[in-house]
């Protein structure tokens, strides 16, 4: 008689074969993944120089020598943080109410190679209050009669015919900023400041300014913009 137990395959052995086969398939998949081709690409944003850098600075420069054109300026200065004097200003000590005005040229340039620039100019009376009340009153009367006009030109050889602002007064000791035409990178212009005294409301108020004075400081400002 045949022993049926001996001839029958074991279920356990069959399961083992299935597990081994599955493991073999996983091994083939692993080998296929490891053998795949790969590649990469590298891109420098902004070229070899990247973003920003020492050559991309923003800077406003001026001249204190009253040249009539930007091209004629031999030496540009920063005038920051220390103020520079515009000297001499012939006639600054002899303005009279209702008399001829005084013209002061301020060349300015956007020294930046990469940025455009907004531009404005403001004024402040930096004369210290005099301890003598009579002199302080004369200074205040003088300041009340002072007026400022502003023009922006390429050539200030002749008196400007168009003005960005006129009749500006030293309200509370300062003149608010006047917006001017923007400057391209590396470009400049000449700001013409016309200073004069007007007559007072009557002769008494005009005479009150006799012997008074102010000391104007101009502040030329700008902000960088994309060219």
C-alpha atoms as a PDB file:
ATOM      1  CA  UNK A   1       0.000   0.000   0.000  1.00  0.00           C
ATOM      2  CA  UNK A   2       1.278   3.504  -0.978  1.00  0.00           C
ATOM      3  CA  UNK A   3       1.934   5.867   1.851  1.00  0.00           C
ATOM      4  CA  UNK A   4      -0.095   8.957   0.911  1.00  0.00           C
ATOM      5  CA  UNK A   5       1.523  10.990   3.625  1.00  0.00           C
ATOM      6  CA  UNK A   6       4.998  10.590   2.144  1.00  0.00           C
ATOM      7  CA  UNK A   7       4.021  11.542  -1.434  1.00  0.00           C
ATOM      8  CA  UNK A   8       1.997  14.687  -0.602  1.00  0.00           C
ATOM      9  CA  UNK A   9       3.976  17.974  -0.896  1.00  0.00           C
ATOM     10  CA  UNK A  10       4.182  20.036   2.251  1.00  0.00           C
ATOM     11  CA  UNK A  11       2.138  23.256   2.345  1.00  0.00           C
ATOM     12  CA  UNK A  12       4.861  24.851   4.395  1.00  0.00           C
ATOM     13  CA  UNK A  13       7.447  24.145   1.686  1.00  0.00           C
ATOM     14  CA  UNK A  14       5.182  25.760  -0.941  1.00  0.00           C
ATOM     15  CA  UNK A  15       4.831  28.920   1.099  1.00  0.00           C
ATOM     16  CA  UNK A  16       8.583  29.135   1.470  1.00  0.00           C
ATOM     17  CA  UNK A  17       9.050  28.985  -2.285  1.00  0.00           C
ATOM     18  CA  UNK A  18       6.574  31.822  -2.770  1.00  0.00           C
ATOM     19  CA  UNK A  19       8.447  34.009  -0.265  1.00  0.00           C
ATOM     20  CA  UNK A  20      11.780  33.283  -1.961  1.00  0.00           C
ATOM     21  CA  UNK A  21      10.327  34.173  -5.374  1.00  0.00           C
ATOM     22  CA  UNK A  22       8.954  37.461  -4.078  1.00  0.00           C
ATOM     23  CA  UNK A  23      12.322  38.317  -2.564  1.00  0.00           C
ATOM     24  CA  UNK A  24      14.021  37.640  -5.865  1.00  0.00           C
ATOM     25  CA  UNK A  25      11.667  40.018  -7.667  1.00  0.00           C
ATOM     26  CA  UNK A  26      12.362  42.764  -5.142  1.00  0.00           C
ATOM     27  CA  UNK A  27      16.054  42.315  -5.645  1.00  0.00           C
ATOM     28  CA  UNK A  28      15.690  42.764  -9.418  1.00  0.00           C
ATOM     29  CA  UNK A  29      13.708  45.994  -8.874  1.00  0.00           C
ATOM     30  CA  UNK A  30      16.402  47.328  -6.558  1.00  0.00           C
ATOM     31  CA  UNK A  31      19.090  46.620  -9.118  1.00  0.00           C
ATOM     32  CA  UNK A  32      17.064  48.376 -11.833  1.00  0.00           C
ATOM     33  CA  UNK A  33      16.634  51.536  -9.697  1.00  0.00           C
ATOM     34  CA  UNK A  34      20.319  51.742  -8.807  1.00  0.00           C
ATOM     35  CA  UNK A  35      21.296  51.461 -12.458  1.00  0.00           C
ATOM     36  CA  UNK A  36      19.107  54.379 -13.724  1.00  0.00           C
ATOM     37  CA  UNK A  37      20.763  57.348 -15.500  1.00  0.00           C
ATOM     38  CA  UNK A  38      20.798  60.721 -13.642  1.00  0.00           C
ATOM     39  CA  UNK A  39      21.609  64.316 -14.562  1.00  0.00           C
ATOM     40  CA  UNK A  40      21.582  67.835 -12.997  1.00  0.00           C
ATOM     41  CA  UNK A  41      21.684  71.454 -14.159  1.00  0.00           C
ATOM     42  CA  UNK A  42      23.215  74.386 -12.239  1.00  0.00           C
ATOM     43  CA  UNK A  43      22.154  78.016 -12.820  1.00  0.00           C
ATOM     44  CA  UNK A  44      23.730  81.117 -11.256  1.00  0.00           C
ATOM     45  CA  UNK A  45      21.053  83.788 -10.814  1.00  0.00           C
ATOM     46  CA  UNK A  46      22.448  87.170 -11.777  1.00  0.00           C
ATOM     47  CA  UNK A  47      25.543  85.765 -13.481  1.00  0.00           C
ATOM     48  CA  UNK A  48      28.888  85.336 -11.788  1.00  0.00           C
ATOM     49  CA  UNK A  49      28.389  88.547  -9.796  1.00  0.00           C
ATOM     50  CA  UNK A  50      25.137  87.521  -8.132  1.00  0.00           C
ATOM     51  CA  UNK A  51      22.833  90.196  -6.695  1.00  0.00           C
ATOM     52  CA  UNK A  52      24.055  93.604  -5.497  1.00  0.00           C
ATOM     53  CA  UNK A  53      27.732  94.285  -4.973  1.00  0.00           C
ATOM     54  CA  UNK A  54      30.156  97.166  -4.562  1.00  0.00           C
ATOM     55  CA  UNK A  55      29.621  98.407  -8.119  1.00  0.00           C
ATOM     56  CA  UNK A  56      25.871  98.767  -7.587  1.00  0.00           C
ATOM     57  CA  UNK A  57      25.859 101.575  -5.028  1.00  0.00           C
ATOM     58  CA  UNK A  58      23.430 104.502  -4.878  1.00  0.00           C
ATOM     59  CA  UNK A  59      24.989 107.914  -4.343  1.00  0.00           C
ATOM     60  CA  UNK A  60      24.087 111.592  -4.820  1.00  0.00           C
ATOM     61  CA  UNK A  61      26.897 114.115  -5.273  1.00  0.00           C
ATOM     62  CA  UNK A  62      26.940 117.917  -5.526  1.00  0.00           C
ATOM     63  CA  UNK A  63      29.311 120.755  -6.274  1.00  0.00           C
ATOM     64  CA  UNK A  64      29.750 123.838  -4.072  1.00  0.00           C
ATOM     65  CA  UNK A  65      31.434 125.929  -6.775  1.00  0.00           C
ATOM     66  CA  UNK A  66      28.283 127.101  -8.609  1.00  0.00           C
ATOM     67  CA  UNK A  67      29.180 125.803 -12.069  1.00  0.00           C
ATOM     68  CA  UNK A  68      26.566 126.461 -14.758  1.00  0.00           C
ATOM     69  CA  UNK A  69      26.670 122.942 -16.244  1.00  0.00           C
ATOM     70  CA  UNK A  70      27.302 119.423 -14.994  1.00  0.00           C
ATOM     71  CA  UNK A  71      30.043 118.913 -17.583  1.00  0.00           C
ATOM     72  CA  UNK A  72      32.033 121.842 -16.195  1.00  0.00           C
ATOM     73  CA  UNK A  73      32.215 120.435 -12.653  1.00  0.00           C
ATOM     74  CA  UNK A  74      35.837 119.516 -11.946  1.00  0.00           C
ATOM     75  CA  UNK A  75      35.344 117.999  -8.511  1.00  0.00           C
ATOM     76  CA  UNK A  76      32.207 116.414  -7.055  1.00  0.00           C
ATOM     77  CA  UNK A  77      31.722 116.178  -3.303  1.00  0.00           C
ATOM     78  CA  UNK A  78      29.500 114.160  -0.971  1.00  0.00           C
ATOM     79  CA  UNK A  79      28.626 116.921   1.556  1.00  0.00           C
ATOM     80  CA  UNK A  80      27.420 114.160   3.876  1.00  0.00           C
ATOM     81  CA  UNK A  81      27.504 113.854   6.830  1.00  0.00           C
ATOM     82  CA  UNK A  82      29.313 117.214   7.051  1.00  0.00           C
ATOM     83  CA  UNK A  83      27.808 120.178   5.215  1.00  0.00           C
ATOM     84  CA  UNK A  84      29.916 122.061   2.658  1.00  0.00           C
ATOM     85  CA  UNK A  85      29.868 125.845   2.243  1.00  0.00           C
ATOM     86  CA  UNK A  86      28.951 127.455  -1.061  1.00  0.00           C
ATOM     87  CA  UNK A  87      31.379 130.369  -1.177  1.00  0.00           C
ATOM     88  CA  UNK A  88      31.530 133.048  -2.164  1.00  0.00           C
ATOM     89  CA  UNK A  89      27.966 134.162  -2.808  1.00  0.00           C
ATOM     90  CA  UNK A  90      28.425 137.685  -4.029  1.00  0.00           C
ATOM     91  CA  UNK A  91      25.635 139.994  -2.871  1.00  0.00           C
ATOM     92  CA  UNK A  92      24.371 137.748  -0.073  1.00  0.00           C
ATOM     93  CA  UNK A  93      24.959 140.560   2.420  1.00  0.00           C
ATOM     94  CA  UNK A  94      23.235 143.271   0.408  1.00  0.00           C
ATOM     95  CA  UNK A  95      19.743 142.043  -0.442  1.00  0.00           C
ATOM     96  CA  UNK A  96      17.114 144.744  -0.094  1.00  0.00           C
ATOM     97  CA  UNK A  97      13.314 144.373   0.039  1.00  0.00           C
ATOM     98  CA  UNK A  98      11.899 144.668  -3.467  1.00  0.00           C
ATOM     99  CA  UNK A  99      15.403 144.642  -4.965  1.00  0.00           C
ATOM    100  CA  UNK A 100      17.200 142.321  -7.362  1.00  0.00           C
ATOM    101  CA  UNK A 101      17.294 138.628  -6.501  1.00  0.00           C
ATOM    102  CA  UNK A 102      20.393 136.538  -5.948  1.00  0.00           C
ATOM    103  CA  UNK A 103      21.004 133.371  -8.011  1.00  0.00           C
ATOM    104  CA  UNK A 104      22.871 130.366  -6.622  1.00  0.00           C
ATOM    105  CA  UNK A 105      23.739 127.340  -8.785  1.00  0.00           C
ATOM    106  CA  UNK A 106      23.893 123.877  -7.231  1.00  0.00           C
ATOM    107  CA  UNK A 107      25.107 121.173  -9.659  1.00  0.00           C
ATOM    108  CA  UNK A 108      23.954 117.701  -8.631  1.00  0.00           C
ATOM    109  CA  UNK A 109      24.458 114.277 -10.151  1.00  0.00           C
ATOM    110  CA  UNK A 110      23.336 110.717  -9.609  1.00  0.00           C
ATOM    111  CA  UNK A 111      26.705 108.989  -9.304  1.00  0.00           C
ATOM    112  CA  UNK A 112      25.132 105.531  -9.377  1.00  0.00           C
ATOM    113  CA  UNK A 113      25.897 103.174 -12.238  1.00  0.00           C
ATOM    114  CA  UNK A 114      22.826 100.983 -11.762  1.00  0.00           C
ATOM    115  CA  UNK A 115      20.058 103.069 -10.177  1.00  0.00           C
ATOM    116  CA  UNK A 116      17.932 105.965 -11.251  1.00  0.00           C
ATOM    117  CA  UNK A 117      17.182 108.613  -8.621  1.00  0.00           C
ATOM    118  CA  UNK A 118      14.358 110.805  -7.447  1.00  0.00           C
ATOM    119  CA  UNK A 119      15.427 114.325  -6.503  1.00  0.00           C
ATOM    120  CA  UNK A 120      14.219 117.079  -4.205  1.00  0.00           C
ATOM    121  CA  UNK A 121      15.592 120.104  -2.381  1.00  0.00           C
ATOM    122  CA  UNK A 122      14.604 121.624   0.962  1.00  0.00           C
ATOM    123  CA  UNK A 123      15.911 124.547   3.024  1.00  0.00           C
ATOM    124  CA  UNK A 124      16.374 125.315   6.687  1.00  0.00           C
ATOM    125  CA  UNK A 125      17.387 128.462   8.526  1.00  0.00           C
ATOM    126  CA  UNK A 126      20.271 127.251  10.681  1.00  0.00           C
ATOM    127  CA  UNK A 127      21.108 130.632  12.204  1.00  0.00           C
ATOM    128  CA  UNK A 128      21.134 130.248  15.976  1.00  0.00           C
ATOM    129  CA  UNK A 129      18.686 132.376  17.927  1.00  0.00           C
ATOM    130  CA  UNK A 130      20.439 135.568  19.020  1.00  0.00           C
ATOM    131  CA  UNK A 131      20.447 136.143  22.794  1.00  0.00           C
ATOM    132  CA  UNK A 132      19.790 139.841  22.170  1.00  0.00           C
ATOM    133  CA  UNK A 133      15.984 140.120  21.839  1.00  0.00           C
ATOM    134  CA  UNK A 134      16.249 143.151  19.531  1.00  0.00           C
ATOM    135  CA  UNK A 135      18.534 141.281  17.125  1.00  0.00           C
ATOM    136  CA  UNK A 136      16.352 138.195  17.354  1.00  0.00           C
ATOM    137  CA  UNK A 137      13.371 140.343  16.318  1.00  0.00           C
ATOM    138  CA  UNK A 138      15.306 141.767  13.347  1.00  0.00           C
ATOM    139  CA  UNK A 139      16.289 138.260  12.246  1.00  0.00           C
ATOM    140  CA  UNK A 140      12.694 137.084  12.469  1.00  0.00           C
ATOM    141  CA  UNK A 141      11.475 140.069  10.444  1.00  0.00           C
ATOM    142  CA  UNK A 142      14.152 139.404   7.805  1.00  0.00           C
ATOM    143  CA  UNK A 143      13.158 135.728   7.567  1.00  0.00           C
ATOM    144  CA  UNK A 144       9.504 136.701   7.071  1.00  0.00           C
ATOM    145  CA  UNK A 145      10.428 138.759   3.993  1.00  0.00           C
ATOM    146  CA  UNK A 146      12.736 136.163   2.413  1.00  0.00           C
ATOM    147  CA  UNK A 147      11.524 134.204  -0.613  1.00  0.00           C
ATOM    148  CA  UNK A 148      13.044 131.324  -2.593  1.00  0.00           C
ATOM    149  CA  UNK A 149      12.400 130.128  -6.154  1.00  0.00           C
ATOM    150  CA  UNK A 150      13.769 126.826  -7.524  1.00  0.00           C
ATOM    151  CA  UNK A 151      14.545 125.720 -11.074  1.00  0.00           C
ATOM    152  CA  UNK A 152      16.200 122.601 -12.509  1.00  0.00           C
ATOM    153  CA  UNK A 153      18.105 123.087 -15.767  1.00  0.00           C
ATOM    154  CA  UNK A 154      20.849 121.575 -17.901  1.00  0.00           C
ATOM    155  CA  UNK A 155      22.543 124.947 -18.416  1.00  0.00           C
ATOM    156  CA  UNK A 156      22.343 127.795 -15.912  1.00  0.00           C
ATOM    157  CA  UNK A 157      24.397 130.235 -18.010  1.00  0.00           C
ATOM    158  CA  UNK A 158      21.248 132.313 -18.435  1.00  0.00           C
ATOM    159  CA  UNK A 159      18.395 132.891 -16.005  1.00  0.00           C
ATOM    160  CA  UNK A 160      15.874 130.026 -16.169  1.00  0.00           C
ATOM    161  CA  UNK A 161      12.529 130.708 -17.798  1.00  0.00           C
ATOM    162  CA  UNK A 162      10.692 127.889 -16.028  1.00  0.00           C
ATOM    163  CA  UNK A 163      10.633 127.363 -12.270  1.00  0.00           C
ATOM    164  CA  UNK A 164       9.658 124.258 -10.330  1.00  0.00           C
ATOM    165  CA  UNK A 165       8.533 126.374  -7.368  1.00  0.00           C
ATOM    166  CA  UNK A 166       8.322 130.085  -6.608  1.00  0.00           C
ATOM    167  CA  UNK A 167       7.685 132.291  -3.603  1.00  0.00           C
ATOM    168  CA  UNK A 168       8.663 129.697  -1.000  1.00  0.00           C
ATOM    169  CA  UNK A 169       8.806 131.083   2.547  1.00  0.00           C
ATOM    170  CA  UNK A 170      10.659 130.133   5.700  1.00  0.00           C
ATOM    171  CA  UNK A 171       7.580 129.028   7.587  1.00  0.00           C
ATOM    172  CA  UNK A 172       8.685 127.898  11.067  1.00  0.00           C
ATOM    173  CA  UNK A 173      12.299 128.283   9.970  1.00  0.00           C
ATOM    174  CA  UNK A 174      12.257 125.799   7.082  1.00  0.00           C
ATOM    175  CA  UNK A 175      11.074 125.289   3.510  1.00  0.00           C
ATOM    176  CA  UNK A 176       9.545 121.908   2.716  1.00  0.00           C
ATOM    177  CA  UNK A 177      11.065 119.709   0.034  1.00  0.00           C
ATOM    178  CA  UNK A 178      10.251 120.528  -3.576  1.00  0.00           C
ATOM    179  CA  UNK A 179      10.040 117.514  -5.896  1.00  0.00           C
ATOM    180  CA  UNK A 180      12.219 117.808  -8.995  1.00  0.00           C
ATOM    181  CA  UNK A 181      12.761 115.776 -12.161  1.00  0.00           C
ATOM    182  CA  UNK A 182      14.314 112.347 -11.637  1.00  0.00           C
ATOM    183  CA  UNK A 183      17.889 111.617 -12.703  1.00  0.00           C
ATOM    184  CA  UNK A 184      18.952 108.599 -14.734  1.00  0.00           C
ATOM    185  CA  UNK A 185      21.963 106.582 -13.595  1.00  0.00           C
ATOM    186  CA  UNK A 186      25.081 108.705 -14.102  1.00  0.00           C
ATOM    187  CA  UNK A 187      23.075 111.817 -15.063  1.00  0.00           C
ATOM    188  CA  UNK A 188      22.979 115.253 -13.451  1.00  0.00           C
ATOM    189  CA  UNK A 189      21.472 118.724 -13.646  1.00  0.00           C
ATOM    190  CA  UNK A 190      21.878 122.165 -12.125  1.00  0.00           C
ATOM    191  CA  UNK A 191      19.518 123.438  -9.448  1.00  0.00           C
ATOM    192  CA  UNK A 192      19.112 127.201  -9.552  1.00  0.00           C
ATOM    193  CA  UNK A 193      18.074 128.824  -6.284  1.00  0.00           C
ATOM    194  CA  UNK A 194      16.771 132.383  -6.574  1.00  0.00           C
ATOM    195  CA  UNK A 195      16.752 134.229  -3.234  1.00  0.00           C
ATOM    196  CA  UNK A 196      15.161 137.665  -2.678  1.00  0.00           C
ATOM    197  CA  UNK A 197      13.403 139.891  -0.172  1.00  0.00           C
ATOM    198  CA  UNK A 198       9.868 141.162  -0.688  1.00  0.00           C
ATOM    199  CA  UNK A 199       8.445 144.362   0.732  1.00  0.00           C
ATOM    200  CA  UNK A 200       6.646 144.096   4.046  1.00  0.00           C
ATOM    201  CA  UNK A 201       2.960 144.809   4.474  1.00  0.00           C
ATOM    202  CA  UNK A 202       3.942 148.389   5.339  1.00  0.00           C
ATOM    203  CA  UNK A 203       7.081 150.452   5.821  1.00  0.00           C
ATOM    204  CA  UNK A 204       7.259 149.625   9.510  1.00  0.00           C
ATOM    205  CA  UNK A 205       7.395 145.853   8.868  1.00  0.00           C
ATOM    206  CA  UNK A 206       9.909 146.395   6.083  1.00  0.00           C
ATOM    207  CA  UNK A 207      12.147 148.509   8.323  1.00  0.00           C
ATOM    208  CA  UNK A 208      11.885 145.893  11.064  1.00  0.00           C
ATOM    209  CA  UNK A 209      14.069 143.597   8.940  1.00  0.00           C
ATOM    210  CA  UNK A 210      16.873 146.166   8.699  1.00  0.00           C
ATOM    211  CA  UNK A 211      20.003 144.573  10.151  1.00  0.00           C
ATOM    212  CA  UNK A 212      18.475 141.090  10.315  1.00  0.00           C
ATOM    213  CA  UNK A 213      19.590 137.948   8.539  1.00  0.00           C
ATOM    214  CA  UNK A 214      19.198 134.216   8.002  1.00  0.00           C
ATOM    215  CA  UNK A 215      21.565 131.377   7.221  1.00  0.00           C
ATOM    216  CA  UNK A 216      20.104 128.980   4.676  1.00  0.00           C
ATOM    217  CA  UNK A 217      21.168 125.354   4.446  1.00  0.00           C
ATOM    218  CA  UNK A 218      19.979 123.447   1.388  1.00  0.00           C
ATOM    219  CA  UNK A 219      19.359 119.718   1.617  1.00  0.00           C
ATOM    220  CA  UNK A 220      19.487 117.910  -1.722  1.00  0.00           C
ATOM    221  CA  UNK A 221      17.920 114.451  -1.371  1.00  0.00           C
ATOM    222  CA  UNK A 222      17.093 111.482  -3.527  1.00  0.00           C
ATOM    223  CA  UNK A 223      15.926 107.880  -3.431  1.00  0.00           C
ATOM    224  CA  UNK A 224      17.094 105.034  -5.629  1.00  0.00           C
ATOM    225  CA  UNK A 225      14.732 103.707  -8.286  1.00  0.00           C
ATOM    226  CA  UNK A 226      15.094 100.938 -10.857  1.00  0.00           C
ATOM    227  CA  UNK A 227      16.626 102.223 -14.078  1.00  0.00           C
END
